[in-house]
């Protein structure tokens, strides 16, 4: 059974979350993945979903940093 994906905060709102919010969200997803793996239920699908969400957060952080280095305004996620 494939778990339903929880919307990421930035996908639910049109506002771009701050860098600390993105870091916190990524860390939260990693922590939830660890719980899913080490819990009695050993839910690998749920862990992978959380890791995918954490990677998405980190990609947004990378894009923001890249835009800052290039001198362009920070890219806003849709």
Protein backbone atom coordinates (compact mmCIF):
# COMPACT_ATOMS: atom_id res chain seq x y z
CA UNK A 1 0.00 0.00 0.00
CA UNK A 2 1.44 3.37 -1.01
CA UNK A 3 1.04 6.04 1.67
CA UNK A 4 -0.67 9.28 0.76
CA UNK A 5 1.78 12.11 0.53
CA UNK A 6 1.29 14.95 2.98
CA UNK A 7 1.45 18.35 1.26
CA UNK A 8 4.65 20.22 1.93
CA UNK A 9 4.17 23.59 3.62
CA UNK A 10 5.38 25.52 0.59
CA UNK A 11 3.02 23.60 -1.69
CA UNK A 12 0.04 24.46 0.48
CA UNK A 13 0.71 28.22 0.45
CA UNK A 14 1.74 30.65 -2.22
CA UNK A 15 4.24 32.28 0.14
CA UNK A 16 7.82 31.09 0.06
CA UNK A 17 8.83 29.78 3.48
CA UNK A 18 11.87 31.32 5.14
CA UNK A 19 15.20 29.51 5.10
CA UNK A 20 14.88 28.49 8.77
CA UNK A 21 11.39 27.12 8.05
CA UNK A 22 12.73 25.05 5.15
CA UNK A 23 15.59 23.72 7.30
CA UNK A 24 13.17 22.86 10.08
CA UNK A 25 10.78 21.15 7.66
CA UNK A 26 13.60 19.08 6.13
CA UNK A 27 14.84 18.04 9.58
CA UNK A 28 11.30 17.12 10.60
CA UNK A 29 10.89 14.87 7.57
CA UNK A 30 14.22 13.15 8.25
CA UNK A 31 13.19 12.57 11.87
CA UNK A 32 9.85 11.12 10.75
CA UNK A 33 11.66 8.83 8.30
CA UNK A 34 13.85 7.52 11.12
CA UNK A 35 10.77 6.85 13.26
CA UNK A 36 9.10 5.01 10.37
CA UNK A 37 12.17 2.82 9.94
CA UNK A 38 12.88 2.09 13.58
CA UNK A 39 9.31 1.82 14.82
CA UNK A 40 7.75 -1.60 15.39
CA UNK A 41 5.85 -1.31 12.12
CA UNK A 42 8.97 -0.75 9.94
CA UNK A 43 7.14 1.30 7.30
CA UNK A 44 9.73 1.70 4.53
CA UNK A 45 7.26 3.33 2.13
CA UNK A 46 6.44 6.02 4.66
CA UNK A 47 10.14 6.54 5.38
CA UNK A 48 10.87 6.99 1.67
CA UNK A 49 8.02 9.47 1.34
CA UNK A 50 9.46 11.55 4.19
CA UNK A 51 12.95 11.37 2.71
CA UNK A 52 11.57 12.53 -0.66
CA UNK A 53 9.91 15.47 1.10
CA UNK A 54 13.16 16.30 2.93
CA UNK A 55 15.05 16.25 -0.38
CA UNK A 56 12.46 18.60 -1.88
CA UNK A 57 13.05 21.02 1.01
CA UNK A 58 16.81 20.85 0.50
CA UNK A 59 16.41 21.43 -3.23
CA UNK A 60 14.43 24.59 -2.49
CA UNK A 61 17.20 25.70 -0.11
CA UNK A 62 19.80 25.02 -2.80
CA UNK A 63 17.82 26.97 -5.39
CA UNK A 64 17.49 29.89 -2.99
CA UNK A 65 21.23 29.89 -2.29
CA UNK A 66 22.03 29.57 -5.97
CA UNK A 67 19.84 32.55 -6.79
CA UNK A 68 21.57 34.59 -4.08
CA UNK A 69 25.03 33.70 -5.38
CA UNK A 70 24.09 34.56 -8.96
CA UNK A 71 22.85 37.96 -7.80
CA UNK A 72 19.32 37.25 -8.91
CA UNK A 73 16.38 37.58 -6.55
CA UNK A 74 15.56 34.37 -4.72
CA UNK A 75 13.36 32.04 -6.74
CA UNK A 76 9.88 31.65 -5.35
CA UNK A 77 8.43 28.18 -5.28
CA UNK A 78 4.97 27.70 -6.72
